[in-house]
Amino acid sequence: MDCEVNRVGIVKKNVERGDPGVYAQLGDFGVATIHEAAGKSGLMKPAIRPICPGLRLSGSALTVLLQPGDNWMMHVAAEQIRPGDVVVATCTSACNDGFFGELLATSFRARGARGLIIDAGVRDVSDLIKMQFPVFSKNISAQGTYKSVVGSVNVPIVCSGVVVCPGDFIVADDDGVAVVSSSRAESVLEASRKREADEQVKRERLQAGELGLDMYEMREKLERAGLRYVD
């Protein structure tokens, strides 16, 4: 991976996308499962939330580096979108302005984007919800933006605490946003399958009335930790 993140003034046109079959399968698992399967790595900060709960999102990252208060690069990014892309955007410095709304969503969807992750603000929320276009953002703001300073498209960025490279796998749901590097996707997918199978066994035991105290063999550890039961 290019170690120079948040590099300004570049649009990389030819980016290797993640395998659609892999991100579709990763999307079958929840973000919590994927995060655990990836060794508790790649989870964006919890400030990134869906504007419409219940929508799930998975795809291949198309990255955008924005300048504070300027959404020029979102329009540049639209030209680079390919079907299956998830646009992942951040700013060179923290900003809460509304960089994205209904018109850009219309453009992104027409190009084949599956949704947007942005470490900044969005607006036209009621329209975005009606469109059922998945958007995960740091905040909502009607504050408009300018188009005067260049950023970059399809360079490695740091978005909400996580390095995201073009072509990385993105999975998002009500629990947050997980990033899986393309080099680890297959192993994380296999670990997610194993974790899900293990949880199904535990689910059945819990449904049968067994307590987590016994299933996880907690009683002895609790006793050693000083827990006492009294009448």
C-alpha atoms as a PDB file:
ATOM      1  CA  MET A   1       0.000   0.000   0.000  1.00  0.00           C
ATOM      2  CA  ASP A   2       1.177   3.527  -0.748  1.00  0.00           C
ATOM      3  CA  CYS A   3       2.039   4.818   2.728  1.00  0.00           C
ATOM      4  CA  GLU A   4       1.437   8.453   1.739  1.00  0.00           C
ATOM      5  CA  VAL A   5      -2.149   9.071   2.814  1.00  0.00           C
ATOM      6  CA  ASN A   6      -4.287  12.175   2.264  1.00  0.00           C
ATOM      7  CA  ARG A   7      -2.184  13.254  -0.739  1.00  0.00           C
ATOM      8  CA  VAL A   8      -3.670  16.278  -2.544  1.00  0.00           C
ATOM      9  CA  GLY A   9      -4.015  16.951  -6.266  1.00  0.00           C
ATOM     10  CA  ILE A  10      -4.377  13.438  -7.704  1.00  0.00           C
ATOM     11  CA  VAL A  11      -7.143  11.515  -9.464  1.00  0.00           C
ATOM     12  CA  LYS A  12      -6.208   7.894 -10.003  1.00  0.00           C
ATOM     13  CA  LYS A  13      -8.371   6.604 -12.837  1.00  0.00           C
ATOM     14  CA  ASN A  14      -7.506   2.916 -12.988  1.00  0.00           C
ATOM     15  CA  VAL A  15      -8.088   1.272  -9.630  1.00  0.00           C
ATOM     16  CA  GLU A  16      -8.379  -2.442  -9.014  1.00  0.00           C
ATOM     17  CA  ARG A  17     -11.770  -3.069  -7.419  1.00  0.00           C
ATOM     18  CA  GLY A  18     -12.577  -5.733  -4.879  1.00  0.00           C
ATOM     19  CA  ASP A  19     -14.176  -8.951  -6.104  1.00  0.00           C
ATOM     20  CA  PRO A  20     -17.969  -8.380  -6.142  1.00  0.00           C
ATOM     21  CA  GLY A  21     -18.525 -11.933  -4.947  1.00  0.00           C
ATOM     22  CA  VAL A  22     -16.359 -11.322  -1.884  1.00  0.00           C
ATOM     23  CA  TYR A  23     -17.941  -8.027  -0.827  1.00  0.00           C
ATOM     24  CA  ALA A  24     -21.397  -9.487  -1.397  1.00  0.00           C
ATOM     25  CA  GLN A  25     -20.542 -12.362   0.946  1.00  0.00           C
ATOM     26  CA  LEU A  26     -18.950 -10.034   3.490  1.00  0.00           C
ATOM     27  CA  GLY A  27     -22.145  -7.990   3.351  1.00  0.00           C
ATOM     28  CA  ASP A  28     -24.091 -11.024   4.566  1.00  0.00           C
ATOM     29  CA  PHE A  29     -22.372 -10.637   7.941  1.00  0.00           C
ATOM     30  CA  GLY A  30     -22.873  -7.823  10.404  1.00  0.00           C
ATOM     31  CA  VAL A  31     -20.211  -5.226  11.050  1.00  0.00           C
ATOM     32  CA  ALA A  32     -19.721  -6.545  14.585  1.00  0.00           C
ATOM     33  CA  THR A  33     -18.957 -10.035  13.253  1.00  0.00           C
ATOM     34  CA  ILE A  34     -16.557  -8.727  10.616  1.00  0.00           C
ATOM     35  CA  HIS A  35     -14.790  -6.470  13.114  1.00  0.00           C
ATOM     36  CA  GLU A  36     -14.244  -9.380  15.494  1.00  0.00           C
ATOM     37  CA  ALA A  37     -13.198 -11.702  12.670  1.00  0.00           C
ATOM     38  CA  ALA A  38     -10.641  -9.120  11.541  1.00  0.00           C
ATOM     39  CA  GLY A  39      -9.005  -9.128  14.966  1.00  0.00           C
ATOM     40  CA  LYS A  40     -10.916  -6.095  16.222  1.00  0.00           C
ATOM     41  CA  SER A  41      -9.403  -3.902  13.510  1.00  0.00           C
ATOM     42  CA  GLY A  42     -10.736  -1.619  10.785  1.00  0.00           C
ATOM     43  CA  LEU A  43     -13.718  -0.152  12.645  1.00  0.00           C
ATOM     44  CA  MET A  44     -14.446   3.530  12.048  1.00  0.00           C
ATOM     45  CA  LYS A  45     -15.163   5.758  15.025  1.00  0.00           C
ATOM     46  CA  PRO A  46     -18.763   5.514  16.284  1.00  0.00           C
ATOM     47  CA  ALA A  47     -19.477   9.114  15.265  1.00  0.00           C
ATOM     48  CA  ILE A  48     -20.113   7.782  11.741  1.00  0.00           C
ATOM     49  CA  ARG A  49     -23.805   6.866  11.776  1.00  0.00           C
ATOM     50  CA  PRO A  50     -26.442   5.959   9.161  1.00  0.00           C
ATOM     51  CA  ILE A  51     -28.858   8.754   8.371  1.00  0.00           C
ATOM     52  CA  CYS A  52     -31.502   6.070   7.800  1.00  0.00           C
ATOM     53  CA  PRO A  53     -31.270   3.128  10.229  1.00  0.00           C
ATOM     54  CA  GLY A  54     -31.854  -0.300   8.751  1.00  0.00           C
ATOM     55  CA  LEU A  55     -29.952   0.148   5.493  1.00  0.00           C
ATOM     56  CA  ARG A  56     -26.941  -2.106   4.970  1.00  0.00           C
ATOM     57  CA  LEU A  57     -24.068  -1.383   2.644  1.00  0.00           C
ATOM     58  CA  SER A  58     -21.150  -3.299   1.171  1.00  0.00           C
ATOM     59  CA  GLY A  59     -18.856  -2.697  -1.742  1.00  0.00           C
ATOM     60  CA  SER A  60     -15.450  -1.623  -2.992  1.00  0.00           C
ATOM     61  CA  ALA A  61     -13.989   1.666  -1.706  1.00  0.00           C
ATOM     62  CA  LEU A  62     -13.648   4.678  -3.963  1.00  0.00           C
ATOM     63  CA  THR A  63     -11.848   7.256  -1.832  1.00  0.00           C
ATOM     64  CA  VAL A  64     -12.267  11.028  -1.866  1.00  0.00           C
ATOM     65  CA  LEU A  65     -10.105  13.612  -0.099  1.00  0.00           C
ATOM     66  CA  LEU A  66     -12.014  16.861   0.372  1.00  0.00           C
ATOM     67  CA  GLN A  67     -10.906  20.292   1.490  1.00  0.00           C
ATOM     68  CA  PRO A  68     -12.834  21.868   4.407  1.00  0.00           C
ATOM     69  CA  GLY A  69     -16.005  23.527   3.169  1.00  0.00           C
ATOM     70  CA  ASP A  70     -15.394  22.481  -0.450  1.00  0.00           C
ATOM     71  CA  ASN A  71     -17.145  19.597  -2.236  1.00  0.00           C
ATOM     72  CA  TRP A  72     -15.501  19.990  -5.648  1.00  0.00           C
ATOM     73  CA  MET A  73     -13.927  16.551  -5.432  1.00  0.00           C
ATOM     74  CA  MET A  74     -17.306  14.872  -4.932  1.00  0.00           C
ATOM     75  CA  HIS A  75     -18.170  15.923  -8.473  1.00  0.00           C
ATOM     76  CA  VAL A  76     -14.767  14.759  -9.705  1.00  0.00           C
ATOM     77  CA  ALA A  77     -15.338  11.447  -7.938  1.00  0.00           C
ATOM     78  CA  ALA A  78     -18.675  10.897  -9.698  1.00  0.00           C
ATOM     79  CA  GLU A  79     -16.842  10.427 -13.001  1.00  0.00           C
ATOM     80  CA  GLN A  80     -14.668   7.690 -11.475  1.00  0.00           C
ATOM     81  CA  ILE A  81     -17.511   5.671  -9.918  1.00  0.00           C
ATOM     82  CA  ARG A  82     -18.040   2.152 -11.212  1.00  0.00           C
ATOM     83  CA  PRO A  83     -20.919  -0.196 -10.310  1.00  0.00           C
ATOM     84  CA  GLY A  84     -20.386  -1.648  -6.848  1.00  0.00           C
ATOM     85  CA  ASP A  85     -18.338   1.259  -5.480  1.00  0.00           C
ATOM     86  CA  VAL A  86     -18.863   2.723  -2.026  1.00  0.00           C
ATOM     87  CA  VAL A  87     -17.668   6.318  -1.954  1.00  0.00           C
ATOM     88  CA  VAL A  88     -15.585   6.960   1.180  1.00  0.00           C
ATOM     89  CA  ALA A  89     -14.838  10.636   1.814  1.00  0.00           C
ATOM     90  CA  THR A  90     -12.879  12.590   4.385  1.00  0.00           C
ATOM     91  CA  CYS A  91     -11.460  16.103   4.749  1.00  0.00           C
ATOM     92  CA  THR A  92      -7.903  17.354   5.093  1.00  0.00           C
ATOM     93  CA  SER A  93      -9.101  19.033   8.283  1.00  0.00           C
ATOM     94  CA  ALA A  94     -12.210  18.446  10.375  1.00  0.00           C
ATOM     95  CA  CYS A  95     -15.342  20.032   8.938  1.00  0.00           C
ATOM     96  CA  ASN A  96     -19.064  19.564   9.587  1.00  0.00           C
ATOM     97  CA  ASP A  97     -20.506  21.275   6.507  1.00  0.00           C
ATOM     98  CA  GLY A  98     -23.061  19.548   4.272  1.00  0.00           C
ATOM     99  CA  PHE A  99     -20.895  18.181   1.438  1.00  0.00           C
ATOM    100  CA  PHE A 100     -23.504  15.854  -0.078  1.00  0.00           C
ATOM    101  CA  GLY A 101     -27.200  15.977  -0.859  1.00  0.00           C
ATOM    102  CA  GLU A 102     -29.953  14.662  -3.077  1.00  0.00           C
ATOM    103  CA  LEU A 103     -28.505  15.838  -6.404  1.00  0.00           C
ATOM    104  CA  LEU A 104     -25.120  14.223  -5.828  1.00  0.00           C
ATOM    105  CA  ALA A 105     -26.870  11.079  -4.626  1.00  0.00           C
ATOM    106  CA  THR A 106     -28.811  11.000  -7.895  1.00  0.00           C
ATOM    107  CA  SER A 107     -25.548  11.297  -9.830  1.00  0.00           C
ATOM    108  CA  PHE A 108     -23.755   8.684  -7.717  1.00  0.00           C
ATOM    109  CA  ARG A 109     -26.592   6.191  -8.045  1.00  0.00           C
ATOM    110  CA  ALA A 110     -26.741   6.667 -11.825  1.00  0.00           C
ATOM    111  CA  ARG A 111     -23.055   5.792 -11.967  1.00  0.00           C
ATOM    112  CA  GLY A 112     -23.566   2.625  -9.926  1.00  0.00           C
ATOM    113  CA  ALA A 113     -22.486   3.696  -6.431  1.00  0.00           C
ATOM    114  CA  ARG A 114     -23.905   1.599  -3.612  1.00  0.00           C
ATOM    115  CA  GLY A 115     -23.669   4.356  -1.007  1.00  0.00           C
ATOM    116  CA  LEU A 116     -21.541   6.939   0.788  1.00  0.00           C
ATOM    117  CA  ILE A 117     -19.388   6.995   3.920  1.00  0.00           C
ATOM    118  CA  ILE A 118     -18.291  10.516   4.880  1.00  0.00           C
ATOM    119  CA  ASP A 119     -16.412  11.901   7.858  1.00  0.00           C
ATOM    120  CA  ALA A 120     -18.272  15.193   7.551  1.00  0.00           C
ATOM    121  CA  GLY A 121     -21.846  16.436   7.067  1.00  0.00           C
ATOM    122  CA  VAL A 122     -24.641  15.747   4.597  1.00  0.00           C
ATOM    123  CA  ARG A 123     -27.966  17.444   3.899  1.00  0.00           C
ATOM    124  CA  ASP A 124     -31.275  16.865   2.043  1.00  0.00           C
ATOM    125  CA  VAL A 125     -31.753  14.027   4.492  1.00  0.00           C
ATOM    126  CA  SER A 126     -35.474  13.495   3.907  1.00  0.00           C
ATOM    127  CA  ASP A 127     -34.819  13.163   0.169  1.00  0.00           C
ATOM    128  CA  LEU A 128     -31.921  10.757   0.732  1.00  0.00           C
ATOM    129  CA  ILE A 129     -34.144   8.623   2.949  1.00  0.00           C
ATOM    130  CA  LYS A 130     -36.887   8.582   0.301  1.00  0.00           C
ATOM    131  CA  MET A 131     -34.285   7.494  -2.237  1.00  0.00           C
ATOM    132  CA  GLN A 132     -33.104   4.736   0.125  1.00  0.00           C
ATOM    133  CA  PHE A 133     -29.557   5.703  -0.776  1.00  0.00           C
ATOM    134  CA  PRO A 134     -27.340   4.473   2.078  1.00  0.00           C
ATOM    135  CA  VAL A 135     -25.397   7.319   3.666  1.00  0.00           C
ATOM    136  CA  PHE A 136     -23.241   7.067   6.786  1.00  0.00           C
ATOM    137  CA  SER A 137     -22.013  10.441   8.012  1.00  0.00           C
ATOM    138  CA  LYS A 138     -20.514  12.219  11.003  1.00  0.00           C
ATOM    139  CA  ASN A 139     -23.325  14.765  11.132  1.00  0.00           C
ATOM    140  CA  ILE A 140     -26.159  16.475   9.298  1.00  0.00           C
ATOM    141  CA  SER A 141     -25.818  20.115   8.267  1.00  0.00           C
ATOM    142  CA  ALA A 142     -27.587  22.423   5.830  1.00  0.00           C
ATOM    143  CA  GLN A 143     -24.396  24.483   5.548  1.00  0.00           C
ATOM    144  CA  GLY A 144     -23.404  24.696   1.898  1.00  0.00           C
ATOM    145  CA  THR A 145     -19.943  24.260   0.414  1.00  0.00           C
ATOM    146  CA  TYR A 146     -17.753  25.888  -2.218  1.00  0.00           C
ATOM    147  CA  LYS A 147     -15.997  24.517  -5.306  1.00  0.00           C
ATOM    148  CA  SER A 148     -12.608  26.173  -5.440  1.00  0.00           C
ATOM    149  CA  VAL A 149      -9.832  24.003  -3.902  1.00  0.00           C
ATOM    150  CA  VAL A 150      -8.670  20.636  -5.239  1.00  0.00           C
ATOM    151  CA  GLY A 151      -8.337  17.491  -3.176  1.00  0.00           C
ATOM    152  CA  SER A 152      -7.864  13.967  -4.532  1.00  0.00           C
ATOM    153  CA  VAL A 153      -9.764  10.907  -5.699  1.00  0.00           C
ATOM    154  CA  ASN A 154      -8.663   7.296  -5.300  1.00  0.00           C
ATOM    155  CA  VAL A 155      -5.692   7.863  -3.007  1.00  0.00           C
ATOM    156  CA  PRO A 156      -5.218   6.289   0.440  1.00  0.00           C
ATOM    157  CA  ILE A 157      -7.047   8.352   3.059  1.00  0.00           C
ATOM    158  CA  VAL A 158      -7.655   8.296   6.774  1.00  0.00           C
ATOM    159  CA  CYS A 159     -11.408   8.305   7.351  1.00  0.00           C
ATOM    160  CA  SER A 160     -12.682   8.464  10.912  1.00  0.00           C
ATOM    161  CA  GLY A 161      -9.550   6.877  12.312  1.00  0.00           C
ATOM    162  CA  VAL A 162      -9.090   4.136   9.713  1.00  0.00           C
ATOM    163  CA  VAL A 163      -6.766   4.025   6.707  1.00  0.00           C
ATOM    164  CA  VAL A 164      -8.836   3.295   3.597  1.00  0.00           C
ATOM    165  CA  CYS A 165      -7.210   2.437   0.276  1.00  0.00           C
ATOM    166  CA  PRO A 166      -9.024   2.386  -3.062  1.00  0.00           C
ATOM    167  CA  GLY A 167     -10.436  -1.092  -3.604  1.00  0.00           C
ATOM    168  CA  ASP A 168     -10.665  -2.000   0.083  1.00  0.00           C
ATOM    169  CA  PHE A 169     -13.847  -3.737   1.189  1.00  0.00           C
ATOM    170  CA  ILE A 170     -16.457  -1.666   3.020  1.00  0.00           C
ATOM    171  CA  VAL A 171     -19.302  -3.065   5.100  1.00  0.00           C
ATOM    172  CA  ALA A 172     -21.698  -0.797   7.006  1.00  0.00           C
ATOM    173  CA  ASP A 173     -24.841  -1.287   9.041  1.00  0.00           C
ATOM    174  CA  ASP A 174     -26.500   0.135  12.154  1.00  0.00           C
ATOM    175  CA  ASP A 175     -23.476  -0.929  14.246  1.00  0.00           C
ATOM    176  CA  GLY A 176     -21.000   1.167  12.249  1.00  0.00           C
ATOM    177  CA  VAL A 177     -18.548   0.924   9.356  1.00  0.00           C
ATOM    178  CA  ALA A 178     -15.896  -1.770   8.909  1.00  0.00           C
ATOM    179  CA  VAL A 179     -12.981  -1.578   6.481  1.00  0.00           C
ATOM    180  CA  VAL A 180     -11.265  -4.764   5.314  1.00  0.00           C
ATOM    181  CA  SER A 181      -8.106  -4.412   3.250  1.00  0.00           C
ATOM    182  CA  SER A 182      -8.239  -6.236  -0.055  1.00  0.00           C
ATOM    183  CA  SER A 183      -5.257  -8.376   0.967  1.00  0.00           C
ATOM    184  CA  ARG A 184      -7.134  -9.710   4.023  1.00  0.00           C
ATOM    185  CA  ALA A 185     -10.613 -10.057   2.552  1.00  0.00           C
ATOM    186  CA  GLU A 186     -10.571 -13.819   1.966  1.00  0.00           C
ATOM    187  CA  SER A 187      -9.203 -14.639   5.424  1.00  0.00           C
ATOM    188  CA  VAL A 188     -11.647 -12.275   7.146  1.00  0.00           C
ATOM    189  CA  LEU A 189     -14.514 -13.785   5.175  1.00  0.00           C
ATOM    190  CA  GLU A 190     -13.547 -17.296   6.296  1.00  0.00           C
ATOM    191  CA  ALA A 191     -13.140 -16.145   9.911  1.00  0.00           C
ATOM    192  CA  SER A 192     -16.577 -14.478   9.726  1.00  0.00           C
ATOM    193  CA  ARG A 193     -18.139 -17.742   8.550  1.00  0.00           C
ATOM    194  CA  LYS A 194     -16.558 -19.641  11.433  1.00  0.00           C
ATOM    195  CA  ARG A 195     -17.634 -17.005  13.940  1.00  0.00           C
ATOM    196  CA  GLU A 196     -21.211 -17.004  12.649  1.00  0.00           C
ATOM    197  CA  ALA A 197     -21.395 -20.810  12.854  1.00  0.00           C
ATOM    198  CA  ASP A 198     -20.064 -20.724  16.414  1.00  0.00           C
ATOM    199  CA  GLU A 199     -22.588 -18.054  17.398  1.00  0.00           C
ATOM    200  CA  GLN A 200     -25.433 -20.123  15.955  1.00  0.00           C
ATOM    201  CA  VAL A 201     -24.490 -23.015  18.247  1.00  0.00           C
ATOM    202  CA  LYS A 202     -24.406 -20.636  21.218  1.00  0.00           C
ATOM    203  CA  ARG A 203     -27.711 -19.092  20.180  1.00  0.00           C
ATOM    204  CA  GLU A 204     -29.375 -22.496  20.207  1.00  0.00           C
ATOM    205  CA  ARG A 205     -27.969 -23.279  23.652  1.00  0.00           C
ATOM    206  CA  LEU A 206     -29.185 -19.953  25.029  1.00  0.00           C
ATOM    207  CA  GLN A 207     -32.612 -20.483  23.468  1.00  0.00           C
ATOM    208  CA  ALA A 208     -32.748 -23.818  25.270  1.00  0.00           C
ATOM    209  CA  GLY A 209     -32.334 -21.982  28.578  1.00  0.00           C
ATOM    210  CA  GLU A 210     -28.638 -22.468  29.247  1.00  0.00           C
ATOM    211  CA  LEU A 211     -26.992 -19.493  30.953  1.00  0.00           C
ATOM    212  CA  GLY A 212     -24.006 -17.638  29.591  1.00  0.00           C
ATOM    213  CA  LEU A 213     -22.477 -18.063  33.051  1.00  0.00           C
ATOM    214  CA  ASP A 214     -22.212 -21.802  32.411  1.00  0.00           C
ATOM    215  CA  MET A 215     -21.701 -21.780  28.650  1.00  0.00           C
ATOM    216  CA  TYR A 216     -18.704 -19.465  28.965  1.00  0.00           C
ATOM    217  CA  GLU A 217     -17.483 -21.131  32.185  1.00  0.00           C
ATOM    218  CA  MET A 218     -17.598 -17.867  34.100  1.00  0.00           C
ATOM    219  CA  ARG A 219     -18.559 -19.023  37.593  1.00  0.00           C
ATOM    220  CA  GLU A 220     -15.101 -20.062  38.763  1.00  0.00           C
ATOM    221  CA  LYS A 221     -13.493 -16.921  37.377  1.00  0.00           C
ATOM    222  CA  LEU A 222     -16.130 -14.762  39.065  1.00  0.00           C
ATOM    223  CA  GLU A 223     -15.500 -16.491  42.359  1.00  0.00           C
ATOM    224  CA  ARG A 224     -11.756 -15.914  42.040  1.00  0.00           C
ATOM    225  CA  ALA A 225     -12.481 -12.279  41.228  1.00  0.00           C
ATOM    226  CA  GLY A 226     -14.295 -11.943  44.553  1.00  0.00           C
ATOM    227  CA  LEU A 227     -17.968 -12.210  43.592  1.00  0.00           C
ATOM    228  CA  ARG A 228     -20.135 -13.578  46.384  1.00  0.00           C
ATOM    229  CA  TYR A 229     -23.827 -14.529  46.371  1.00  0.00           C
ATOM    230  CA  VAL A 230     -25.833 -13.618  49.469  1.00  0.00           C
ATOM    231  CA  ASP A 231     -29.432 -14.320  50.514  1.00  0.00           C
END
